[in-house]
N, C-alpha and C. Protein backbone atom coordinates (compact mmCIF):
# COMPACT_ATOMS: atom_id res chain seq x y z
N MET A 1 -15.71 13.76 -13.09
CA MET A 1 -14.45 14.16 -12.53
C MET A 1 -13.44 14.49 -13.62
N SER A 2 -13.75 14.16 -14.88
CA SER A 2 -12.81 14.44 -15.96
C SER A 2 -12.85 15.92 -16.27
N ASP A 3 -11.71 16.45 -16.70
CA ASP A 3 -11.57 17.86 -17.01
C ASP A 3 -11.13 17.97 -18.45
N ASP A 4 -12.09 18.27 -19.35
CA ASP A 4 -11.79 18.30 -20.77
C ASP A 4 -10.86 19.44 -21.14
N SER A 5 -10.75 20.48 -20.30
CA SER A 5 -9.87 21.61 -20.62
C SER A 5 -8.41 21.19 -20.58
N GLU A 6 -8.07 20.14 -19.86
CA GLU A 6 -6.69 19.66 -19.80
C GLU A 6 -6.35 18.81 -21.02
N GLY A 7 -7.35 18.30 -21.74
CA GLY A 7 -7.10 17.54 -22.95
C GLY A 7 -7.11 16.03 -22.73
N THR A 8 -6.85 15.56 -21.53
CA THR A 8 -6.83 14.13 -21.25
C THR A 8 -7.69 13.86 -20.04
N SER A 9 -8.69 12.98 -20.19
CA SER A 9 -9.57 12.66 -19.09
C SER A 9 -9.06 11.41 -18.37
N GLN A 10 -9.64 11.13 -17.21
CA GLN A 10 -9.28 9.94 -16.45
C GLN A 10 -9.59 8.68 -17.27
N ASP A 11 -10.69 8.70 -18.04
CA ASP A 11 -11.04 7.56 -18.88
C ASP A 11 -9.97 7.32 -19.95
N ASP A 12 -9.41 8.42 -20.51
CA ASP A 12 -8.34 8.28 -21.50
C ASP A 12 -7.12 7.62 -20.88
N ILE A 13 -6.78 8.03 -19.67
CA ILE A 13 -5.61 7.46 -18.99
C ILE A 13 -5.86 5.99 -18.67
N ASP A 14 -7.07 5.69 -18.15
CA ASP A 14 -7.41 4.30 -17.83
C ASP A 14 -7.34 3.42 -19.06
N SER A 15 -7.81 3.93 -20.21
CA SER A 15 -7.82 3.11 -21.42
C SER A 15 -6.41 2.88 -21.95
N MET A 16 -5.45 3.79 -21.66
CA MET A 16 -4.07 3.58 -22.07
C MET A 16 -3.47 2.35 -21.40
N PHE A 17 -3.87 2.14 -20.14
CA PHE A 17 -3.30 1.05 -19.36
C PHE A 17 -4.13 -0.22 -19.40
N ASP A 18 -5.30 -0.14 -20.02
CA ASP A 18 -6.18 -1.29 -20.06
C ASP A 18 -5.74 -2.25 -21.15
N GLU A 19 -5.94 -3.53 -20.94
CA GLU A 19 -5.55 -4.55 -21.92
C GLU A 19 -6.34 -4.36 -23.21
N GLY A 20 -5.65 -4.24 -24.32
CA GLY A 20 -6.30 -4.10 -25.61
C GLY A 20 -6.82 -2.70 -25.89
N GLY A 21 -6.58 -1.75 -24.98
CA GLY A 21 -7.02 -0.38 -25.21
C GLY A 21 -8.49 -0.15 -24.94
N ASN A 22 -9.22 -1.18 -24.46
CA ASN A 22 -10.64 -1.02 -24.15
C ASN A 22 -10.79 -0.38 -22.79
N SER A 23 -11.79 0.47 -22.64
CA SER A 23 -12.05 1.09 -21.35
C SER A 23 -12.48 0.03 -20.36
N SER A 24 -11.96 0.11 -19.10
CA SER A 24 -12.32 -0.87 -18.09
C SER A 24 -13.80 -0.78 -17.75
N LYS A 25 -14.44 0.33 -18.06
CA LYS A 25 -15.87 0.45 -17.80
C LYS A 25 -16.67 -0.29 -18.86
N GLY A 26 -16.03 -0.63 -19.98
CA GLY A 26 -16.73 -1.30 -21.05
C GLY A 26 -16.61 -2.81 -20.96
N GLY A 27 -16.18 -3.33 -19.83
CA GLY A 27 -16.13 -4.77 -19.65
C GLY A 27 -14.74 -5.36 -19.86
N GLY A 28 -13.74 -4.56 -20.22
CA GLY A 28 -12.38 -5.07 -20.39
C GLY A 28 -11.79 -5.46 -19.05
N ASN A 29 -10.80 -6.31 -19.06
CA ASN A 29 -10.16 -6.73 -17.82
C ASN A 29 -8.98 -5.82 -17.53
N ALA A 30 -9.11 -4.94 -16.54
CA ALA A 30 -8.01 -4.06 -16.16
C ALA A 30 -6.98 -4.88 -15.40
N MET A 31 -5.71 -4.61 -15.66
CA MET A 31 -4.64 -5.36 -15.01
C MET A 31 -3.96 -4.48 -13.99
N GLY A 32 -3.58 -5.06 -12.87
CA GLY A 32 -2.82 -4.33 -11.86
C GLY A 32 -1.36 -4.30 -12.25
N LEU A 33 -0.59 -3.39 -11.64
CA LEU A 33 0.82 -3.24 -11.95
C LEU A 33 1.59 -4.53 -11.67
N SER A 34 1.26 -5.23 -10.59
CA SER A 34 1.97 -6.47 -10.28
C SER A 34 1.77 -7.52 -11.35
N GLU A 35 0.58 -7.56 -11.96
CA GLU A 35 0.32 -8.53 -13.03
C GLU A 35 1.15 -8.19 -14.26
N ILE A 36 1.29 -6.91 -14.56
CA ILE A 36 2.07 -6.50 -15.72
C ILE A 36 3.53 -6.85 -15.54
N GLN A 37 4.07 -6.61 -14.36
CA GLN A 37 5.48 -6.89 -14.11
C GLN A 37 5.78 -8.38 -14.13
N GLU A 38 4.82 -9.20 -13.72
CA GLU A 38 5.07 -10.63 -13.65
C GLU A 38 4.77 -11.36 -14.95
N ASP A 39 4.17 -10.69 -15.92
CA ASP A 39 3.80 -11.31 -17.18
C ASP A 39 5.02 -11.56 -18.05
N PRO A 40 5.38 -12.83 -18.32
CA PRO A 40 6.57 -13.11 -19.12
C PRO A 40 6.39 -12.76 -20.60
N GLY A 41 5.17 -12.48 -21.03
CA GLY A 41 4.93 -12.20 -22.44
C GLY A 41 5.12 -10.75 -22.81
N ILE A 42 5.53 -9.90 -21.88
CA ILE A 42 5.71 -8.49 -22.19
C ILE A 42 6.96 -8.31 -23.02
N LYS A 43 6.82 -7.56 -24.12
CA LYS A 43 7.95 -7.31 -24.99
C LYS A 43 8.77 -6.15 -24.46
N LYS A 44 10.07 -6.25 -24.61
CA LYS A 44 10.96 -5.18 -24.21
C LYS A 44 11.54 -4.57 -25.47
N ASP A 45 11.69 -3.24 -25.49
CA ASP A 45 12.25 -2.58 -26.66
C ASP A 45 13.66 -3.08 -26.92
N ASN A 46 13.90 -3.58 -28.12
CA ASN A 46 15.20 -4.09 -28.55
C ASN A 46 15.73 -5.20 -27.64
N GLY A 47 14.84 -5.85 -26.88
CA GLY A 47 15.24 -6.97 -26.04
C GLY A 47 16.07 -6.58 -24.85
N LYS A 48 16.13 -5.30 -24.47
CA LYS A 48 16.96 -4.89 -23.34
C LYS A 48 16.10 -4.54 -22.14
N ASP A 49 16.69 -4.65 -20.96
CA ASP A 49 16.01 -4.24 -19.74
C ASP A 49 16.20 -2.74 -19.56
N PHE A 50 15.29 -2.12 -18.79
CA PHE A 50 15.38 -0.69 -18.55
C PHE A 50 15.77 -0.45 -17.10
N ALA A 51 16.58 0.57 -16.87
CA ALA A 51 16.98 0.95 -15.52
C ALA A 51 15.83 1.66 -14.83
N VAL A 52 15.90 1.76 -13.49
CA VAL A 52 14.87 2.45 -12.73
C VAL A 52 14.82 3.90 -13.18
N GLY A 53 13.62 4.38 -13.44
CA GLY A 53 13.43 5.75 -13.89
C GLY A 53 13.42 5.90 -15.40
N GLU A 54 13.87 4.90 -16.12
CA GLU A 54 13.86 4.94 -17.58
C GLU A 54 12.47 4.57 -18.09
N PRO A 55 11.98 5.20 -19.15
CA PRO A 55 10.66 4.83 -19.66
C PRO A 55 10.67 3.42 -20.24
N MET A 56 9.57 2.69 -20.05
CA MET A 56 9.46 1.33 -20.56
C MET A 56 9.15 1.33 -22.06
N ALA A 57 8.51 2.34 -22.54
CA ALA A 57 8.18 2.44 -23.96
C ALA A 57 8.11 3.92 -24.32
N SER A 58 8.29 4.23 -25.57
CA SER A 58 8.32 5.63 -25.96
C SER A 58 6.99 6.33 -25.74
N ASP A 59 5.82 5.60 -25.79
CA ASP A 59 4.54 6.28 -25.59
C ASP A 59 4.28 6.64 -24.14
N VAL A 60 5.03 6.11 -23.20
CA VAL A 60 4.81 6.44 -21.79
C VAL A 60 5.09 7.92 -21.54
N THR A 61 5.99 8.51 -22.32
CA THR A 61 6.33 9.92 -22.12
C THR A 61 5.12 10.83 -22.35
N ALA A 62 4.10 10.37 -23.03
CA ALA A 62 2.90 11.17 -23.27
C ALA A 62 2.17 11.50 -21.97
N ILE A 63 2.31 10.69 -20.95
CA ILE A 63 1.59 10.93 -19.69
C ILE A 63 2.43 11.68 -18.67
N TYR A 64 3.69 11.96 -18.95
CA TYR A 64 4.56 12.64 -17.99
C TYR A 64 4.08 14.02 -17.60
N GLU A 65 3.43 14.73 -18.50
CA GLU A 65 3.03 16.11 -18.25
C GLU A 65 1.61 16.24 -17.71
N ILE A 66 0.94 15.15 -17.41
CA ILE A 66 -0.42 15.21 -16.88
C ILE A 66 -0.34 15.59 -15.40
N PRO A 67 -0.96 16.71 -15.01
CA PRO A 67 -0.89 17.13 -13.61
C PRO A 67 -1.79 16.26 -12.73
N VAL A 68 -1.31 15.95 -11.54
CA VAL A 68 -2.10 15.22 -10.56
C VAL A 68 -2.04 15.99 -9.24
N GLN A 69 -3.09 15.88 -8.45
CA GLN A 69 -3.15 16.52 -7.15
C GLN A 69 -2.90 15.46 -6.09
N ILE A 70 -1.91 15.67 -5.23
CA ILE A 70 -1.59 14.72 -4.17
C ILE A 70 -1.90 15.38 -2.83
N SER A 71 -2.65 14.67 -1.98
CA SER A 71 -3.01 15.18 -0.66
C SER A 71 -2.64 14.15 0.39
N ALA A 72 -2.07 14.62 1.49
CA ALA A 72 -1.77 13.76 2.63
C ALA A 72 -2.66 14.23 3.78
N VAL A 73 -3.56 13.37 4.23
CA VAL A 73 -4.53 13.74 5.25
C VAL A 73 -4.07 13.20 6.60
N LEU A 74 -3.71 14.11 7.50
CA LEU A 74 -3.26 13.74 8.83
C LEU A 74 -4.42 13.34 9.72
N GLY A 75 -5.57 13.93 9.47
CA GLY A 75 -6.77 13.65 10.26
C GLY A 75 -7.84 14.65 9.90
N ARG A 76 -9.01 14.49 10.50
CA ARG A 76 -10.13 15.38 10.22
C ARG A 76 -10.75 15.85 11.53
N SER A 77 -11.41 17.00 11.45
CA SER A 77 -12.12 17.54 12.60
C SER A 77 -13.33 18.32 12.08
N THR A 78 -14.39 18.31 12.85
CA THR A 78 -15.60 19.06 12.50
C THR A 78 -15.84 20.09 13.58
N MET A 79 -16.10 21.33 13.14
CA MET A 79 -16.40 22.40 14.09
C MET A 79 -17.30 23.43 13.43
N GLN A 80 -17.93 24.22 14.24
CA GLN A 80 -18.79 25.28 13.75
C GLN A 80 -17.92 26.46 13.31
N VAL A 81 -18.45 27.28 12.42
CA VAL A 81 -17.72 28.44 11.92
C VAL A 81 -17.34 29.36 13.08
N SER A 82 -18.22 29.51 14.05
CA SER A 82 -17.91 30.38 15.20
C SER A 82 -16.69 29.86 15.96
N GLN A 83 -16.56 28.52 16.09
CA GLN A 83 -15.38 27.94 16.76
C GLN A 83 -14.14 28.18 15.90
N LEU A 84 -14.27 28.04 14.60
CA LEU A 84 -13.16 28.24 13.69
C LEU A 84 -12.63 29.67 13.77
N LEU A 85 -13.55 30.64 13.85
CA LEU A 85 -13.15 32.05 13.92
C LEU A 85 -12.46 32.40 15.23
N LYS A 86 -12.71 31.64 16.28
CA LYS A 86 -12.07 31.89 17.58
C LYS A 86 -10.65 31.33 17.65
N LEU A 87 -10.27 30.50 16.68
CA LEU A 87 -8.92 29.93 16.70
C LEU A 87 -7.89 31.02 16.46
N GLY A 88 -6.81 30.94 17.15
CA GLY A 88 -5.73 31.90 16.97
C GLY A 88 -4.41 31.15 16.88
N ARG A 89 -3.33 31.91 16.81
CA ARG A 89 -2.00 31.31 16.74
C ARG A 89 -1.77 30.42 17.95
N GLY A 90 -1.30 29.22 17.70
CA GLY A 90 -1.00 28.28 18.78
C GLY A 90 -2.19 27.45 19.23
N ALA A 91 -3.35 27.66 18.61
CA ALA A 91 -4.54 26.89 18.99
C ALA A 91 -4.34 25.43 18.58
N VAL A 92 -4.88 24.54 19.37
CA VAL A 92 -4.77 23.11 19.10
C VAL A 92 -6.12 22.61 18.62
N VAL A 93 -6.12 21.93 17.48
CA VAL A 93 -7.34 21.36 16.92
C VAL A 93 -7.23 19.85 17.05
N GLU A 94 -8.18 19.25 17.75
CA GLU A 94 -8.16 17.80 17.95
C GLU A 94 -8.62 17.10 16.68
N LEU A 95 -7.81 16.14 16.21
CA LEU A 95 -8.14 15.37 15.00
C LEU A 95 -8.68 14.01 15.39
N ASP A 96 -9.24 13.31 14.41
CA ASP A 96 -9.85 12.00 14.65
C ASP A 96 -8.83 10.86 14.60
N ARG A 97 -7.55 11.15 14.58
CA ARG A 97 -6.51 10.12 14.52
C ARG A 97 -5.65 10.19 15.77
N LYS A 98 -5.03 9.06 16.10
CA LYS A 98 -4.12 9.00 17.24
C LYS A 98 -2.69 9.19 16.76
N VAL A 99 -1.81 9.56 17.67
CA VAL A 99 -0.39 9.72 17.35
C VAL A 99 0.16 8.39 16.86
N GLY A 100 0.89 8.42 15.75
CA GLY A 100 1.49 7.21 15.21
C GLY A 100 0.59 6.44 14.26
N GLU A 101 -0.67 6.82 14.18
CA GLU A 101 -1.60 6.16 13.25
C GLU A 101 -1.27 6.59 11.81
N ALA A 102 -1.44 5.69 10.86
CA ALA A 102 -1.11 5.97 9.46
C ALA A 102 -1.96 7.11 8.91
N ILE A 103 -1.36 7.89 8.01
CA ILE A 103 -2.09 8.96 7.33
C ILE A 103 -2.55 8.45 5.97
N ASP A 104 -3.57 9.08 5.41
CA ASP A 104 -4.09 8.70 4.11
C ASP A 104 -3.45 9.55 3.03
N ILE A 105 -3.09 8.93 1.90
CA ILE A 105 -2.50 9.64 0.77
C ILE A 105 -3.47 9.50 -0.41
N TYR A 106 -3.92 10.65 -0.91
CA TYR A 106 -4.87 10.68 -2.01
C TYR A 106 -4.20 11.23 -3.26
N VAL A 107 -4.52 10.64 -4.41
CA VAL A 107 -4.11 11.18 -5.70
C VAL A 107 -5.39 11.46 -6.47
N ASN A 108 -5.59 12.71 -6.86
CA ASN A 108 -6.83 13.14 -7.53
C ASN A 108 -8.06 12.69 -6.75
N ASN A 109 -8.05 12.92 -5.45
CA ASN A 109 -9.16 12.61 -4.55
C ASN A 109 -9.49 11.12 -4.47
N ARG A 110 -8.56 10.27 -4.83
CA ARG A 110 -8.75 8.82 -4.73
C ARG A 110 -7.69 8.27 -3.77
N LEU A 111 -8.13 7.54 -2.74
CA LEU A 111 -7.22 6.97 -1.76
C LEU A 111 -6.33 5.94 -2.45
N VAL A 112 -5.01 6.14 -2.42
CA VAL A 112 -4.10 5.22 -3.09
C VAL A 112 -3.09 4.58 -2.14
N ALA A 113 -2.83 5.20 -0.98
CA ALA A 113 -1.82 4.66 -0.08
C ALA A 113 -2.00 5.19 1.32
N ARG A 114 -1.29 4.56 2.24
CA ARG A 114 -1.19 5.05 3.63
C ARG A 114 0.30 5.19 3.94
N GLY A 115 0.61 6.05 4.87
CA GLY A 115 2.01 6.27 5.18
C GLY A 115 2.21 6.94 6.51
N GLU A 116 3.45 7.40 6.74
CA GLU A 116 3.79 8.08 7.97
C GLU A 116 4.56 9.35 7.65
N VAL A 117 4.47 10.30 8.58
CA VAL A 117 5.16 11.57 8.43
C VAL A 117 6.62 11.38 8.84
N VAL A 118 7.53 11.92 8.04
CA VAL A 118 8.96 11.86 8.34
C VAL A 118 9.55 13.26 8.20
N VAL A 119 10.71 13.48 8.81
CA VAL A 119 11.41 14.75 8.68
C VAL A 119 12.66 14.50 7.85
N VAL A 120 12.80 15.26 6.75
CA VAL A 120 13.95 15.14 5.87
C VAL A 120 14.57 16.53 5.72
N GLU A 121 15.78 16.71 6.23
CA GLU A 121 16.48 17.99 6.15
C GLU A 121 15.60 19.16 6.58
N ASP A 122 15.04 19.09 7.76
CA ASP A 122 14.19 20.13 8.35
C ASP A 122 12.90 20.38 7.60
N LYS A 123 12.49 19.46 6.74
CA LYS A 123 11.21 19.57 6.04
C LYS A 123 10.39 18.33 6.33
N LEU A 124 9.06 18.51 6.33
CA LEU A 124 8.18 17.36 6.53
C LEU A 124 8.04 16.60 5.22
N GLY A 125 7.96 15.30 5.32
CA GLY A 125 7.75 14.46 4.15
C GLY A 125 6.84 13.30 4.53
N ILE A 126 6.52 12.51 3.54
CA ILE A 126 5.65 11.34 3.74
C ILE A 126 6.38 10.12 3.22
N THR A 127 6.34 9.06 3.97
CA THR A 127 6.86 7.79 3.48
C THR A 127 5.68 6.83 3.35
N MET A 128 5.51 6.22 2.17
CA MET A 128 4.39 5.31 1.96
C MET A 128 4.71 3.96 2.58
N THR A 129 3.78 3.46 3.38
CA THR A 129 3.97 2.16 4.03
C THR A 129 3.03 1.10 3.49
N GLU A 130 1.97 1.52 2.81
CA GLU A 130 0.98 0.57 2.31
C GLU A 130 0.30 1.14 1.08
N ILE A 131 0.19 0.35 0.04
CA ILE A 131 -0.56 0.73 -1.15
C ILE A 131 -1.97 0.17 -0.99
N VAL A 132 -2.96 1.02 -1.20
CA VAL A 132 -4.36 0.61 -1.03
C VAL A 132 -4.89 0.15 -2.38
N LYS A 133 -5.36 -1.08 -2.43
CA LYS A 133 -5.92 -1.61 -3.67
C LYS A 133 -7.37 -1.17 -3.75
N SER A 134 -7.75 -0.66 -4.91
CA SER A 134 -9.14 -0.23 -5.10
C SER A 134 -9.78 -1.08 -6.18
N ASP A 135 -11.06 -1.34 -6.00
CA ASP A 135 -11.81 -2.08 -7.01
C ASP A 135 -12.50 -1.06 -7.89
N ARG A 136 -11.99 -0.90 -9.10
CA ARG A 136 -12.61 0.03 -10.04
C ARG A 136 -13.37 -0.79 -11.06
N GLY A 137 -14.69 -0.56 -11.12
CA GLY A 137 -15.51 -1.37 -12.01
C GLY A 137 -16.07 -0.62 -13.15
């Protein structure tokens, strides 16, 4: 899944956040965000706290320009190509989800959260209601 043409692979990103810089696939203990925030041994630059949105360290800016693909899946449906070609404007496609059921939010094809659809200034948006914990080994 890594794309060498971008210059940074998923393994490179994972190793940046892994304890000691070891890849989590190499037996290192990967830490979750909640563990990092609760760890009293974390050093702060110049002993000061950072405001929301401020970088925690100068090297974090290196990952700001890495593109990610975000997908919000409302539901899924399976149909034959002939049925698909018969669809026209106003056609209704039945999905496998019920009204009000949470939608799935994927980042780089990995399920990371669930949420609900909201309307903000005449545009559709997503509000995250649950973060999905994944076991990456």
